[in-house]
């Protein structure tokens, strides 16, 4: 069985205002259901994470 790819960087801190993990950019719901999601759904979320984290950084800096 192949390991499931994960964006987790072991910086598990929730940004309550954004509703995202400060480390990986996932929502709590996405984190909780990550192992049961199908590979297509995980890939879709993985593709969105860089933009989420960039937007979070822009809000924080601005």
C-alpha atoms as a PDB file:
ATOM      1  CA  UNK A   1       0.000   0.000   0.000  1.00  0.00           C
ATOM      2  CA  UNK A   2       1.445   3.386  -1.036  1.00  0.00           C
ATOM      3  CA  UNK A   3       1.697   6.132   1.575  1.00  0.00           C
ATOM      4  CA  UNK A   4      -0.810   8.968   1.335  1.00  0.00           C
ATOM      5  CA  UNK A   5       0.771  12.286   0.396  1.00  0.00           C
ATOM      6  CA  UNK A   6       0.246  14.964   3.015  1.00  0.00           C
ATOM      7  CA  UNK A   7       1.021  18.683   3.070  1.00  0.00           C
ATOM      8  CA  UNK A   8       1.614  18.578   6.833  1.00  0.00           C
ATOM      9  CA  UNK A   9       4.818  20.344   7.859  1.00  0.00           C
ATOM     10  CA  UNK A  10       4.310  19.656  11.590  1.00  0.00           C
ATOM     11  CA  UNK A  11       3.479  23.304  12.343  1.00  0.00           C
ATOM     12  CA  UNK A  12      -0.035  22.663  13.580  1.00  0.00           C
ATOM     13  CA  UNK A  13      -1.348  26.052  14.586  1.00  0.00           C
ATOM     14  CA  UNK A  14      -4.830  27.185  13.637  1.00  0.00           C
ATOM     15  CA  UNK A  15      -5.262  30.730  12.410  1.00  0.00           C
ATOM     16  CA  UNK A  16      -8.762  31.217  13.813  1.00  0.00           C
ATOM     17  CA  UNK A  17      -9.502  34.265  11.673  1.00  0.00           C
ATOM     18  CA  UNK A  18      -8.588  32.540   8.405  1.00  0.00           C
ATOM     19  CA  UNK A  19      -9.788  29.113   9.563  1.00  0.00           C
ATOM     20  CA  UNK A  20      -6.605  27.538   8.224  1.00  0.00           C
ATOM     21  CA  UNK A  21      -3.623  25.715   9.641  1.00  0.00           C
ATOM     22  CA  UNK A  22      -0.673  28.118   9.638  1.00  0.00           C
ATOM     23  CA  UNK A  23       1.651  25.304   8.570  1.00  0.00           C
ATOM     24  CA  UNK A  24      -0.123  23.572   5.712  1.00  0.00           C
ATOM     25  CA  UNK A  25      -3.080  25.801   4.853  1.00  0.00           C
ATOM     26  CA  UNK A  26      -5.777  23.177   5.302  1.00  0.00           C
ATOM     27  CA  UNK A  27      -9.024  23.683   7.169  1.00  0.00           C
ATOM     28  CA  UNK A  28      -9.751  21.628  10.289  1.00  0.00           C
ATOM     29  CA  UNK A  29     -12.337  19.655   8.318  1.00  0.00           C
ATOM     30  CA  UNK A  30      -9.790  18.856   5.594  1.00  0.00           C
ATOM     31  CA  UNK A  31      -7.231  17.767   8.185  1.00  0.00           C
ATOM     32  CA  UNK A  32      -9.782  15.577   9.983  1.00  0.00           C
ATOM     33  CA  UNK A  33     -10.938  13.851   6.791  1.00  0.00           C
ATOM     34  CA  UNK A  34      -7.607  13.716   4.927  1.00  0.00           C
ATOM     35  CA  UNK A  35      -7.110   9.960   5.243  1.00  0.00           C
ATOM     36  CA  UNK A  36     -10.626   9.140   4.078  1.00  0.00           C
ATOM     37  CA  UNK A  37     -10.679  11.525   1.094  1.00  0.00           C
ATOM     38  CA  UNK A  38     -10.244  10.078  -2.349  1.00  0.00           C
ATOM     39  CA  UNK A  39      -6.963  10.870  -4.151  1.00  0.00           C
ATOM     40  CA  UNK A  40      -8.655  13.306  -6.559  1.00  0.00           C
ATOM     41  CA  UNK A  41     -10.020  15.396  -3.690  1.00  0.00           C
ATOM     42  CA  UNK A  42      -6.652  15.408  -1.909  1.00  0.00           C
ATOM     43  CA  UNK A  43      -4.921  16.474  -5.138  1.00  0.00           C
ATOM     44  CA  UNK A  44      -7.424  19.315  -5.617  1.00  0.00           C
ATOM     45  CA  UNK A  45      -6.765  20.593  -2.106  1.00  0.00           C
ATOM     46  CA  UNK A  46      -2.991  20.210  -2.493  1.00  0.00           C
ATOM     47  CA  UNK A  47      -3.169  22.377  -5.631  1.00  0.00           C
ATOM     48  CA  UNK A  48      -5.040  25.108  -3.704  1.00  0.00           C
ATOM     49  CA  UNK A  49      -2.698  25.251  -0.704  1.00  0.00           C
ATOM     50  CA  UNK A  50       0.048  27.516  -2.118  1.00  0.00           C
ATOM     51  CA  UNK A  51      -2.513  30.214  -2.982  1.00  0.00           C
ATOM     52  CA  UNK A  52      -4.195  29.856   0.422  1.00  0.00           C
ATOM     53  CA  UNK A  53      -0.914  30.274   2.264  1.00  0.00           C
ATOM     54  CA  UNK A  54       0.111  33.204   0.062  1.00  0.00           C
ATOM     55  CA  UNK A  55      -3.216  34.943   0.662  1.00  0.00           C
ATOM     56  CA  UNK A  56      -2.876  34.343   4.390  1.00  0.00           C
ATOM     57  CA  UNK A  57       0.591  35.915   4.337  1.00  0.00           C
ATOM     58  CA  UNK A  58      -0.671  38.929   2.410  1.00  0.00           C
ATOM     59  CA  UNK A  59      -3.464  39.518   4.919  1.00  0.00           C
ATOM     60  CA  UNK A  60      -1.008  39.170   7.786  1.00  0.00           C
ATOM     61  CA  UNK A  61       1.460  41.650   6.244  1.00  0.00           C
ATOM     62  CA  UNK A  62      -1.209  44.161   5.176  1.00  0.00           C
END
